[in-house]
């Protein structure tokens, strides 16, 4: 199984911070809380890196852009290869996908 993670240590802000790895390459998994009240976050330890799962829209957008995904707004990442059309209305915009499903997106950022 392939996974995508972000380096725990030594991040540079570059694309090299995003790492594709196989679950079979993981030596062990630990969990850590970002703060006292947050959920536990797994850390995947491989021979070369400690990797966190992607957690933010920014991290996911950077990791998935090569597969055709973009941030449609602050809450949605969409696969541009599956978009049939965009519908703009005063109350909000919508994206319709080739399978007929739709999502509403903010008018502020497309």
PDB file of N, CA and C in Angstrom:
ATOM      1  N   UNK A   1       0.844  -1.174   0.000  1.00  0.00           N
ATOM      2  CA  UNK A   1       0.000   0.000   0.000  1.00  0.00           C
ATOM      3  C   UNK A   1       0.891   1.240   0.000  1.00  0.00           C
ATOM      4  N   UNK A   2       0.633   2.139  -0.963  1.00  0.00           N
ATOM      5  CA  UNK A   2       1.392   3.391  -1.008  1.00  0.00           C
ATOM      6  C   UNK A   2       0.711   4.444  -0.147  1.00  0.00           C
ATOM      7  N   UNK A   3       1.529   5.261   0.493  1.00  0.00           N
ATOM      8  CA  UNK A   3       1.042   6.340   1.343  1.00  0.00           C
ATOM      9  C   UNK A   3       1.825   7.602   1.013  1.00  0.00           C
ATOM     10  N   UNK A   4       1.278   8.729   1.387  1.00  0.00           N
ATOM     11  CA  UNK A   4       1.977  10.001   1.232  1.00  0.00           C
ATOM     12  C   UNK A   4       2.049  10.639   2.603  1.00  0.00           C
ATOM     13  N   UNK A   5       3.242  11.083   2.988  1.00  0.00           N
ATOM     14  CA  UNK A   5       3.430  11.724   4.279  1.00  0.00           C
ATOM     15  C   UNK A   5       4.289  12.960   4.142  1.00  0.00           C
ATOM     16  N   UNK A   6       4.404  13.675   5.236  1.00  0.00           N
ATOM     17  CA  UNK A   6       5.260  14.859   5.286  1.00  0.00           C
ATOM     18  C   UNK A   6       6.307  14.632   6.366  1.00  0.00           C
ATOM     19  N   UNK A   7       7.528  15.045   6.085  1.00  0.00           N
ATOM     20  CA  UNK A   7       8.622  14.809   7.028  1.00  0.00           C
ATOM     21  C   UNK A   7       8.336  15.445   8.377  1.00  0.00           C
ATOM     22  N   UNK A   8       8.646  14.729   9.426  1.00  0.00           N
ATOM     23  CA  UNK A   8       8.503  15.250  10.780  1.00  0.00           C
ATOM     24  C   UNK A   8       9.621  16.246  11.073  1.00  0.00           C
ATOM     25  N   UNK A   9      10.833  15.916  10.678  1.00  0.00           N
ATOM     26  CA  UNK A   9      12.007  16.748  10.965  1.00  0.00           C
ATOM     27  C   UNK A   9      12.671  17.207   9.667  1.00  0.00           C
ATOM     28  N   UNK A  10      13.375  18.307   9.738  1.00  0.00           N
ATOM     29  CA  UNK A  10      14.184  18.769   8.617  1.00  0.00           C
ATOM     30  C   UNK A  10      13.392  19.278   7.430  1.00  0.00           C
ATOM     31  N   UNK A  11      12.217  19.834   7.674  1.00  0.00           N
ATOM     32  CA  UNK A  11      11.420  20.370   6.573  1.00  0.00           C
ATOM     33  C   UNK A  11      12.068  21.630   6.010  1.00  0.00           C
ATOM     34  N   UNK A  12      11.976  21.767   4.701  1.00  0.00           N
ATOM     35  CA  UNK A  12      12.560  22.929   4.024  1.00  0.00           C
ATOM     36  C   UNK A  12      11.497  23.829   3.404  1.00  0.00           C
ATOM     37  N   UNK A  13      10.242  23.359   3.382  1.00  0.00           N
ATOM     38  CA  UNK A  13       9.189  24.098   2.707  1.00  0.00           C
ATOM     39  C   UNK A  13       9.119  23.792   1.224  1.00  0.00           C
ATOM     40  N   UNK A  14       9.961  22.877   0.786  1.00  0.00           N
ATOM     41  CA  UNK A  14      10.011  22.492  -0.627  1.00  0.00           C
ATOM     42  C   UNK A  14       9.186  21.229  -0.842  1.00  0.00           C
ATOM     43  N   UNK A  15       9.012  20.877  -2.112  1.00  0.00           N
ATOM     44  CA  UNK A  15       8.279  19.665  -2.461  1.00  0.00           C
ATOM     45  C   UNK A  15       8.920  18.408  -1.875  1.00  0.00           C
ATOM     46  N   UNK A  16      10.223  18.458  -1.602  1.00  0.00           N
ATOM     47  CA  UNK A  16      10.921  17.290  -1.051  1.00  0.00           C
ATOM     48  C   UNK A  16      10.450  16.941   0.371  1.00  0.00           C
ATOM     49  N   UNK A  17       9.686  17.834   1.011  1.00  0.00           N
ATOM     50  CA  UNK A  17       9.116  17.537   2.330  1.00  0.00           C
ATOM     51  C   UNK A  17       8.013  16.490   2.232  1.00  0.00           C
ATOM     52  N   UNK A  18       7.396  16.379   1.063  1.00  0.00           N
ATOM     53  CA  UNK A  18       6.327  15.418   0.818  1.00  0.00           C
ATOM     54  C   UNK A  18       6.972  14.127   0.311  1.00  0.00           C
ATOM     55  N   UNK A  19       6.681  13.020   0.975  1.00  0.00           N
ATOM     56  CA  UNK A  19       7.337  11.757   0.656  1.00  0.00           C
ATOM     57  C   UNK A  19       6.289  10.675   0.386  1.00  0.00           C
ATOM     58  N   UNK A  20       6.437   9.986  -0.723  1.00  0.00           N
ATOM     59  CA  UNK A  20       5.602   8.817  -1.004  1.00  0.00           C
ATOM     60  C   UNK A  20       6.357   7.600  -0.490  1.00  0.00           C
ATOM     61  N   UNK A  21       5.663   6.755   0.250  1.00  0.00           N
ATOM     62  CA  UNK A  21       6.317   5.569   0.802  1.00  0.00           C
ATOM     63  C   UNK A  21       5.331   4.414   0.844  1.00  0.00           C
ATOM     64  N   UNK A  22       5.866   3.226   0.982  1.00  0.00           N
ATOM     65  CA  UNK A  22       5.036   2.018   1.085  1.00  0.00           C
ATOM     66  C   UNK A  22       4.906   1.632   2.549  1.00  0.00           C
ATOM     67  N   UNK A  23       3.754   1.157   2.907  1.00  0.00           N
ATOM     68  CA  UNK A  23       3.543   0.708   4.280  1.00  0.00           C
ATOM     69  C   UNK A  23       4.538  -0.384   4.647  1.00  0.00           C
ATOM     70  N   UNK A  24       4.940  -1.178   3.686  1.00  0.00           N
ATOM     71  CA  UNK A  24       5.914  -2.251   3.949  1.00  0.00           C
ATOM     72  C   UNK A  24       7.302  -1.710   4.310  1.00  0.00           C
ATOM     73  N   UNK A  25       7.561  -0.417   4.066  1.00  0.00           N
ATOM     74  CA  UNK A  25       8.846   0.204   4.416  1.00  0.00           C
ATOM     75  C   UNK A  25       8.873   0.722   5.854  1.00  0.00           C
ATOM     76  N   UNK A  26       7.725   0.708   6.521  1.00  0.00           N
ATOM     77  CA  UNK A  26       7.618   1.259   7.875  1.00  0.00           C
ATOM     78  C   UNK A  26       8.152   0.250   8.885  1.00  0.00           C
ATOM     79  N   UNK A  27       9.115   0.696   9.702  1.00  0.00           N
ATOM     80  CA  UNK A  27       9.656  -0.144  10.770  1.00  0.00           C
ATOM     81  C   UNK A  27       8.704  -0.204  11.965  1.00  0.00           C
ATOM     82  N   UNK A  28       8.174   0.971  12.339  1.00  0.00           N
ATOM     83  CA  UNK A  28       7.230   1.027  13.452  1.00  0.00           C
ATOM     84  C   UNK A  28       6.447   2.323  13.384  1.00  0.00           C
ATOM     85  N   UNK A  29       5.345   2.375  14.126  1.00  0.00           N
ATOM     86  CA  UNK A  29       4.476   3.546  14.178  1.00  0.00           C
ATOM     87  C   UNK A  29       4.323   3.963  15.629  1.00  0.00           C
ATOM     88  N   UNK A  30       4.542   5.236  15.902  1.00  0.00           N
ATOM     89  CA  UNK A  30       4.270   5.786  17.231  1.00  0.00           C
ATOM     90  C   UNK A  30       3.135   6.798  17.085  1.00  0.00           C
ATOM     91  N   UNK A  31       2.558   7.204  18.190  1.00  0.00           N
ATOM     92  CA  UNK A  31       1.535   8.247  18.156  1.00  0.00           C
ATOM     93  C   UNK A  31       1.950   9.389  19.070  1.00  0.00           C
ATOM     94  N   UNK A  32       1.511  10.571  18.695  1.00  0.00           N
ATOM     95  CA  UNK A  32       1.853  11.778  19.449  1.00  0.00           C
ATOM     96  C   UNK A  32       0.659  12.722  19.392  1.00  0.00           C
ATOM     97  N   UNK A  33       0.474  13.454  20.452  1.00  0.00           N
ATOM     98  CA  UNK A  33      -0.557  14.497  20.471  1.00  0.00           C
ATOM     99  C   UNK A  33       0.109  15.832  20.149  1.00  0.00           C
ATOM    100  N   UNK A  34      -0.513  16.585  19.242  1.00  0.00           N
ATOM    101  CA  UNK A  34       0.025  17.907  18.924  1.00  0.00           C
ATOM    102  C   UNK A  34      -0.130  18.832  20.125  1.00  0.00           C
ATOM    103  N   UNK A  35      -1.276  18.734  20.804  1.00  0.00           N
ATOM    104  CA  UNK A  35      -1.507  19.448  22.063  1.00  0.00           C
ATOM    105  C   UNK A  35      -2.224  18.485  23.007  1.00  0.00           C
ATOM    106  N   UNK A  36      -2.408  18.901  24.226  1.00  0.00           N
ATOM    107  CA  UNK A  36      -3.002  18.031  25.242  1.00  0.00           C
ATOM    108  C   UNK A  36      -4.384  17.515  24.852  1.00  0.00           C
ATOM    109  N   UNK A  37      -5.166  18.328  24.145  1.00  0.00           N
ATOM    110  CA  UNK A  37      -6.549  17.966  23.841  1.00  0.00           C
ATOM    111  C   UNK A  37      -6.754  17.482  22.403  1.00  0.00           C
ATOM    112  N   UNK A  38      -5.717  17.419  21.610  1.00  0.00           N
ATOM    113  CA  UNK A  38      -5.850  16.951  20.224  1.00  0.00           C
ATOM    114  C   UNK A  38      -5.899  15.431  20.148  1.00  0.00           C
ATOM    115  N   UNK A  39      -6.368  14.967  19.010  1.00  0.00           N
ATOM    116  CA  UNK A  39      -6.318  13.537  18.731  1.00  0.00           C
ATOM    117  C   UNK A  39      -4.876  13.096  18.573  1.00  0.00           C
ATOM    118  N   UNK A  40      -4.645  11.840  18.740  1.00  0.00           N
ATOM    119  CA  UNK A  40      -3.307  11.311  18.537  1.00  0.00           C
ATOM    120  C   UNK A  40      -3.011  11.222  17.043  1.00  0.00           C
ATOM    121  N   UNK A  41      -1.794  11.559  16.678  1.00  0.00           N
ATOM    122  CA  UNK A  41      -1.362  11.566  15.284  1.00  0.00           C
ATOM    123  C   UNK A  41      -0.306  10.478  15.114  1.00  0.00           C
ATOM    124  N   UNK A  42      -0.494   9.588  14.128  1.00  0.00           N
ATOM    125  CA  UNK A  42       0.523   8.556  13.915  1.00  0.00           C
ATOM    126  C   UNK A  42       1.779   9.132  13.275  1.00  0.00           C
ATOM    127  N   UNK A  43       2.900   8.584  13.658  1.00  0.00           N
ATOM    128  CA  UNK A  43       4.188   8.918  13.034  1.00  0.00           C
ATOM    129  C   UNK A  43       4.750   7.614  12.492  1.00  0.00           C
ATOM    130  N   UNK A  44       4.984   7.591  11.182  1.00  0.00           N
ATOM    131  CA  UNK A  44       5.491   6.401  10.504  1.00  0.00           C
ATOM    132  C   UNK A  44       7.005   6.495  10.425  1.00  0.00           C
ATOM    133  N   UNK A  45       7.703   5.550  11.010  1.00  0.00           N
ATOM    134  CA  UNK A  45       9.158   5.559  11.045  1.00  0.00           C
ATOM    135  C   UNK A  45       9.702   4.572  10.018  1.00  0.00           C
ATOM    136  N   UNK A  46      10.406   5.111   9.014  1.00  0.00           N
ATOM    137  CA  UNK A  46      11.055   4.275   8.003  1.00  0.00           C
ATOM    138  C   UNK A  46      12.557   4.317   8.252  1.00  0.00           C
ATOM    139  N   UNK A  47      13.308   3.654   7.427  1.00  0.00           N
ATOM    140  CA  UNK A  47      14.759   3.663   7.568  1.00  0.00           C
ATOM    141  C   UNK A  47      15.328   5.072   7.427  1.00  0.00           C
ATOM    142  N   UNK A  48      14.711   5.900   6.571  1.00  0.00           N
ATOM    143  CA  UNK A  48      15.293   7.207   6.298  1.00  0.00           C
ATOM    144  C   UNK A  48      14.553   8.387   6.910  1.00  0.00           C
ATOM    145  N   UNK A  49      13.274   8.236   7.273  1.00  0.00           N
ATOM    146  CA  UNK A  49      12.496   9.385   7.740  1.00  0.00           C
ATOM    147  C   UNK A  49      11.473   8.983   8.795  1.00  0.00           C
ATOM    148  N   UNK A  50      11.038   9.991   9.543  1.00  0.00           N
ATOM    149  CA  UNK A  50       9.836   9.896  10.363  1.00  0.00           C
ATOM    150  C   UNK A  50       8.808  10.759   9.658  1.00  0.00           C
ATOM    151  N   UNK A  51       7.641  10.174   9.343  1.00  0.00           N
ATOM    152  CA  UNK A  51       6.670  10.850   8.491  1.00  0.00           C
ATOM    153  C   UNK A  51       5.314  10.970   9.162  1.00  0.00           C
ATOM    154  N   UNK A  52       4.714  12.128   8.981  1.00  0.00           N
ATOM    155  CA  UNK A  52       3.371  12.390   9.490  1.00  0.00           C
ATOM    156  C   UNK A  52       2.366  12.261   8.357  1.00  0.00           C
ATOM    157  N   UNK A  53       1.125  11.901   8.666  1.00  0.00           N
ATOM    158  CA  UNK A  53       0.109  11.924   7.613  1.00  0.00           C
ATOM    159  C   UNK A  53      -0.172  13.376   7.225  1.00  0.00           C
ATOM    160  N   UNK A  54      -0.676  13.573   6.032  1.00  0.00           N
ATOM    161  CA  UNK A  54      -1.053  14.910   5.594  1.00  0.00           C
ATOM    162  C   UNK A  54      -2.263  15.350   6.403  1.00  0.00           C
ATOM    163  N   UNK A  55      -2.222  16.566   6.956  1.00  0.00           N
ATOM    164  CA  UNK A  55      -3.296  17.004   7.849  1.00  0.00           C
ATOM    165  C   UNK A  55      -3.953  18.306   7.436  1.00  0.00           C
ATOM    166  N   UNK A  56      -3.307  19.109   6.618  1.00  0.00           N
ATOM    167  CA  UNK A  56      -3.871  20.411   6.279  1.00  0.00           C
ATOM    168  C   UNK A  56      -4.181  20.482   4.789  1.00  0.00           C
ATOM    169  N   UNK A  57      -5.040  21.413   4.436  1.00  0.00           N
ATOM    170  CA  UNK A  57      -5.364  21.640   3.023  1.00  0.00           C
ATOM    171  C   UNK A  57      -4.087  21.964   2.252  1.00  0.00           C
ATOM    172  N   UNK A  58      -3.210  22.776   2.839  1.00  0.00           N
ATOM    173  CA  UNK A  58      -1.960  23.134   2.173  1.00  0.00           C
ATOM    174  C   UNK A  58      -1.069  21.929   1.908  1.00  0.00           C
ATOM    175  N   UNK A  59      -0.922  21.073   2.914  1.00  0.00           N
ATOM    176  CA  UNK A  59      -0.102  19.867   2.738  1.00  0.00           C
ATOM    177  C   UNK A  59      -0.692  18.949   1.677  1.00  0.00           C
ATOM    178  N   UNK A  60      -2.009  18.757   1.729  1.00  0.00           N
ATOM    179  CA  UNK A  60      -2.652  17.877   0.753  1.00  0.00           C
ATOM    180  C   UNK A  60      -2.577  18.455  -0.655  1.00  0.00           C
ATOM    181  N   UNK A  61      -2.786  19.752  -0.785  1.00  0.00           N
ATOM    182  CA  UNK A  61      -2.709  20.380  -2.102  1.00  0.00           C
ATOM    183  C   UNK A  61      -1.317  20.215  -2.692  1.00  0.00           C
ATOM    184  N   UNK A  62      -0.288  20.458  -1.897  1.00  0.00           N
ATOM    185  CA  UNK A  62       1.089  20.292  -2.388  1.00  0.00           C
ATOM    186  C   UNK A  62       1.370  18.857  -2.792  1.00  0.00           C
ATOM    187  N   UNK A  63       0.863  17.904  -2.026  1.00  0.00           N
ATOM    188  CA  UNK A  63       1.130  16.498  -2.305  1.00  0.00           C
ATOM    189  C   UNK A  63       0.347  15.990  -3.515  1.00  0.00           C
ATOM    190  N   UNK A  64      -0.880  16.471  -3.699  1.00  0.00           N
ATOM    191  CA  UNK A  64      -1.767  15.914  -4.722  1.00  0.00           C
ATOM    192  C   UNK A  64      -1.807  16.713  -6.014  1.00  0.00           C
ATOM    193  N   UNK A  65      -1.130  17.857  -6.078  1.00  0.00           N
ATOM    194  CA  UNK A  65      -1.172  18.673  -7.295  1.00  0.00           C
ATOM    195  C   UNK A  65      -0.707  17.884  -8.514  1.00  0.00           C
ATOM    196  N   UNK A  66       0.252  17.012  -8.332  1.00  0.00           N
ATOM    197  CA  UNK A  66       0.757  16.206  -9.454  1.00  0.00           C
ATOM    198  C   UNK A  66      -0.291  15.236  -9.989  1.00  0.00           C
ATOM    199  N   UNK A  67      -1.341  14.994  -9.212  1.00  0.00           N
ATOM    200  CA  UNK A  67      -2.420  14.108  -9.639  1.00  0.00           C
ATOM    201  C   UNK A  67      -3.642  14.886 -10.133  1.00  0.00           C
ATOM    202  N   UNK A  68      -3.510  16.206 -10.247  1.00  0.00           N
ATOM    203  CA  UNK A  68      -4.580  17.038 -10.788  1.00  0.00           C
ATOM    204  C   UNK A  68      -5.474  17.698  -9.760  1.00  0.00           C
ATOM    205  N   UNK A  69      -5.106  17.663  -8.498  1.00  0.00           N
ATOM    206  CA  UNK A  69      -5.931  18.259  -7.454  1.00  0.00           C
ATOM    207  C   UNK A  69      -5.520  19.707  -7.193  1.00  0.00           C
ATOM    208  N   UNK A  70      -6.523  20.538  -6.872  1.00  0.00           N
ATOM    209  CA  UNK A  70      -6.283  21.930  -6.477  1.00  0.00           C
ATOM    210  C   UNK A  70      -7.178  22.252  -5.284  1.00  0.00           C
ATOM    211  N   UNK A  71      -6.817  23.283  -4.547  1.00  0.00           N
ATOM    212  CA  UNK A  71      -7.677  23.765  -3.475  1.00  0.00           C
ATOM    213  C   UNK A  71      -8.743  24.648  -4.109  1.00  0.00           C
ATOM    214  N   UNK A  72     -10.000  24.218  -4.036  1.00  0.00           N
ATOM    215  CA  UNK A  72     -11.096  24.997  -4.605  1.00  0.00           C
ATOM    216  C   UNK A  72     -11.480  26.148  -3.683  1.00  0.00           C
ATOM    217  N   UNK A  73     -11.298  25.949  -2.397  1.00  0.00           N
ATOM    218  CA  UNK A  73     -11.524  26.971  -1.383  1.00  0.00           C
ATOM    219  C   UNK A  73     -10.797  26.516  -0.116  1.00  0.00           C
ATOM    220  N   UNK A  74     -11.125  27.090   1.010  1.00  0.00           N
ATOM    221  CA  UNK A  74     -10.411  26.745   2.244  1.00  0.00           C
ATOM    222  C   UNK A  74     -10.792  25.388   2.826  1.00  0.00           C
ATOM    223  N   UNK A  75     -11.841  24.754   2.285  1.00  0.00           N
ATOM    224  CA  UNK A  75     -12.316  23.492   2.844  1.00  0.00           C
ATOM    225  C   UNK A  75     -12.360  22.331   1.868  1.00  0.00           C
ATOM    226  N   UNK A  76     -12.126  22.575   0.597  1.00  0.00           N
ATOM    227  CA  UNK A  76     -12.293  21.536  -0.419  1.00  0.00           C
ATOM    228  C   UNK A  76     -11.103  21.466  -1.366  1.00  0.00           C
ATOM    229  N   UNK A  77     -10.644  20.253  -1.596  1.00  0.00           N
ATOM    230  CA  UNK A  77      -9.634  19.976  -2.614  1.00  0.00           C
ATOM    231  C   UNK A  77     -10.335  19.149  -3.673  1.00  0.00           C
ATOM    232  N   UNK A  78     -10.204  19.563  -4.935  1.00  0.00           N
ATOM    233  CA  UNK A  78     -10.926  18.874  -6.005  1.00  0.00           C
ATOM    234  C   UNK A  78      -9.967  18.353  -7.064  1.00  0.00           C
ATOM    235  N   UNK A  79     -10.388  17.256  -7.699  1.00  0.00           N
ATOM    236  CA  UNK A  79      -9.633  16.662  -8.786  1.00  0.00           C
ATOM    237  C   UNK A  79     -10.082  17.334 -10.083  1.00  0.00           C
ATOM    238  N   UNK A  80      -9.240  18.169 -10.651  1.00  0.00           N
ATOM    239  CA  UNK A  80      -9.596  18.922 -11.852  1.00  0.00           C
ATOM    240  C   UNK A  80      -9.883  18.007 -13.032  1.00  0.00           C
ATOM    241  N   UNK A  81      -9.348  16.809 -13.010  1.00  0.00           N
ATOM    242  CA  UNK A  81      -9.579  15.853 -14.094  1.00  0.00           C
ATOM    243  C   UNK A  81     -10.981  15.258 -14.058  1.00  0.00           C
ATOM    244  N   UNK A  82     -11.702  15.475 -12.946  1.00  0.00           N
ATOM    245  CA  UNK A  82     -13.051  14.912 -12.789  1.00  0.00           C
ATOM    246  C   UNK A  82     -14.138  15.979 -12.804  1.00  0.00           C
ATOM    247  N   UNK A  83     -13.751  17.248 -13.016  1.00  0.00           N
ATOM    248  CA  UNK A  83     -14.729  18.332 -13.040  1.00  0.00           C
ATOM    249  C   UNK A  83     -15.428  18.369 -14.398  1.00  0.00           C
ATOM    250  N   UNK A  84     -16.758  18.383 -14.340  1.00  0.00           N
ATOM    251  CA  UNK A  84     -17.557  18.531 -15.566  1.00  0.00           C
ATOM    252  C   UNK A  84     -17.794  20.007 -15.847  1.00  0.00           C
ATOM    253  N   UNK A  85     -18.225  20.759 -14.797  1.00  0.00           N
ATOM    254  CA  UNK A  85     -18.449  22.195 -14.969  1.00  0.00           C
ATOM    255  C   UNK A  85     -18.497  22.891 -13.623  1.00  0.00           C
ATOM    256  N   UNK A  86     -18.275  24.207 -13.679  1.00  0.00           N
ATOM    257  CA  UNK A  86     -18.403  25.058 -12.502  1.00  0.00           C
ATOM    258  C   UNK A  86     -19.607  25.958 -12.709  1.00  0.00           C
ATOM    259  N   UNK A  87     -20.405  26.099 -11.673  1.00  0.00           N
ATOM    260  CA  UNK A  87     -21.620  26.901 -11.731  1.00  0.00           C
ATOM    261  C   UNK A  87     -21.479  28.022 -10.715  1.00  0.00           C
ATOM    262  N   UNK A  88     -21.536  29.272 -11.188  1.00  0.00           N
ATOM    263  CA  UNK A  88     -21.405  30.411 -10.283  1.00  0.00           C
ATOM    264  C   UNK A  88     -22.775  31.033 -10.052  1.00  0.00           C
ATOM    265  N   UNK A  89     -23.098  31.206  -8.782  1.00  0.00           N
ATOM    266  CA  UNK A  89     -24.325  31.863  -8.374  1.00  0.00           C
ATOM    267  C   UNK A  89     -23.988  32.871  -7.300  1.00  0.00           C
ATOM    268  N   UNK A  90     -24.893  33.793  -7.048  1.00  0.00           N
ATOM    269  CA  UNK A  90     -24.628  34.816  -6.027  1.00  0.00           C
ATOM    270  C   UNK A  90     -24.473  34.218  -4.641  1.00  0.00           C
ATOM    271  N   UNK A  91     -25.250  33.186  -4.343  1.00  0.00           N
ATOM    272  CA  UNK A  91     -25.198  32.583  -3.005  1.00  0.00           C
ATOM    273  C   UNK A  91     -24.036  31.617  -2.827  1.00  0.00           C
ATOM    274  N   UNK A  92     -23.333  31.322  -3.884  1.00  0.00           N
ATOM    275  CA  UNK A  92     -22.192  30.415  -3.811  1.00  0.00           C
ATOM    276  C   UNK A  92     -21.949  29.745  -5.137  1.00  0.00           C
ATOM    277  N   UNK A  93     -20.803  29.184  -5.289  1.00  0.00           N
ATOM    278  CA  UNK A  93     -20.453  28.479  -6.518  1.00  0.00           C
ATOM    279  C   UNK A  93     -20.519  26.980  -6.271  1.00  0.00           C
ATOM    280  N   UNK A  94     -20.700  26.241  -7.347  1.00  0.00           N
ATOM    281  CA  UNK A  94     -20.793  24.794  -7.283  1.00  0.00           C
ATOM    282  C   UNK A  94     -19.859  24.182  -8.309  1.00  0.00           C
ATOM    283  N   UNK A  95     -19.362  23.024  -7.976  1.00  0.00           N
ATOM    284  CA  UNK A  95     -18.598  22.236  -8.937  1.00  0.00           C
ATOM    285  C   UNK A  95     -19.385  20.959  -9.164  1.00  0.00           C
ATOM    286  N   UNK A  96     -19.606  20.652 -10.438  1.00  0.00           N
ATOM    287  CA  UNK A  96     -20.249  19.396 -10.791  1.00  0.00           C
ATOM    288  C   UNK A  96     -19.188  18.476 -11.382  1.00  0.00           C
ATOM    289  N   UNK A  97     -19.157  17.253 -10.898  1.00  0.00           N
ATOM    290  CA  UNK A  97     -18.180  16.275 -11.355  1.00  0.00           C
ATOM    291  C   UNK A  97     -18.783  15.381 -12.436  1.00  0.00           C
ATOM    292  N   UNK A  98     -17.943  14.671 -13.132  1.00  0.00           N
ATOM    293  CA  UNK A  98     -18.398  13.863 -14.266  1.00  0.00           C
ATOM    294  C   UNK A  98     -19.363  12.745 -13.854  1.00  0.00           C
ATOM    295  N   UNK A  99     -19.376  12.389 -12.578  1.00  0.00           N
ATOM    296  CA  UNK A  99     -20.317  11.358 -12.120  1.00  0.00           C
ATOM    297  C   UNK A  99     -21.642  11.955 -11.650  1.00  0.00           C
ATOM    298  N   UNK A 100     -21.797  13.284 -11.770  1.00  0.00           N
ATOM    299  CA  UNK A 100     -23.037  13.945 -11.397  1.00  0.00           C
ATOM    300  C   UNK A 100     -23.078  14.506  -9.996  1.00  0.00           C
ATOM    301  N   UNK A 101     -22.107  14.186  -9.149  1.00  0.00           N
ATOM    302  CA  UNK A 101     -22.088  14.748  -7.794  1.00  0.00           C
ATOM    303  C   UNK A 101     -21.676  16.215  -7.859  1.00  0.00           C
ATOM    304  N   UNK A 102     -22.122  16.981  -6.865  1.00  0.00           N
ATOM    305  CA  UNK A 102     -21.776  18.400  -6.798  1.00  0.00           C
ATOM    306  C   UNK A 102     -21.321  18.748  -5.386  1.00  0.00           C
ATOM    307  N   UNK A 103     -20.517  19.783  -5.304  1.00  0.00           N
ATOM    308  CA  UNK A 103     -20.154  20.372  -4.011  1.00  0.00           C
ATOM    309  C   UNK A 103     -20.273  21.874  -4.129  1.00  0.00           C
ATOM    310  N   UNK A 104     -20.590  22.511  -3.021  1.00  0.00           N
ATOM    311  CA  UNK A 104     -20.603  23.960  -2.983  1.00  0.00           C
ATOM    312  C   UNK A 104     -19.259  24.450  -2.505  1.00  0.00           C
ATOM    313  N   UNK A 105     -18.765  25.492  -3.157  1.00  0.00           N
ATOM    314  CA  UNK A 105     -17.499  26.087  -2.754  1.00  0.00           C
ATOM    315  C   UNK A 105     -17.689  27.571  -2.505  1.00  0.00           C
ATOM    316  N   UNK A 106     -16.771  28.129  -1.752  1.00  0.00           N
ATOM    317  CA  UNK A 106     -16.806  29.553  -1.442  1.00  0.00           C
ATOM    318  C   UNK A 106     -16.541  30.360  -2.700  1.00  0.00           C
ATOM    319  N   UNK A 107     -17.198  31.501  -2.821  1.00  0.00           N
ATOM    320  CA  UNK A 107     -16.955  32.387  -3.946  1.00  0.00           C
ATOM    321  C   UNK A 107     -15.628  33.127  -3.837  1.00  0.00           C
ATOM    322  N   UNK A 108     -15.044  33.133  -2.658  1.00  0.00           N
ATOM    323  CA  UNK A 108     -13.820  33.904  -2.448  1.00  0.00           C
ATOM    324  C   UNK A 108     -12.592  33.349  -3.128  1.00  0.00           C
ATOM    325  N   UNK A 109     -12.487  32.027  -3.235  1.00  0.00           N
ATOM    326  CA  UNK A 109     -11.269  31.430  -3.773  1.00  0.00           C
ATOM    327  C   UNK A 109     -11.623  30.252  -4.657  1.00  0.00           C
ATOM    328  N   UNK A 110     -11.234  30.315  -5.912  1.00  0.00           N
ATOM    329  CA  UNK A 110     -11.513  29.220  -6.853  1.00  0.00           C
ATOM    330  C   UNK A 110     -10.258  28.807  -7.541  1.00  0.00           C
TER     331      UNK A 110
END
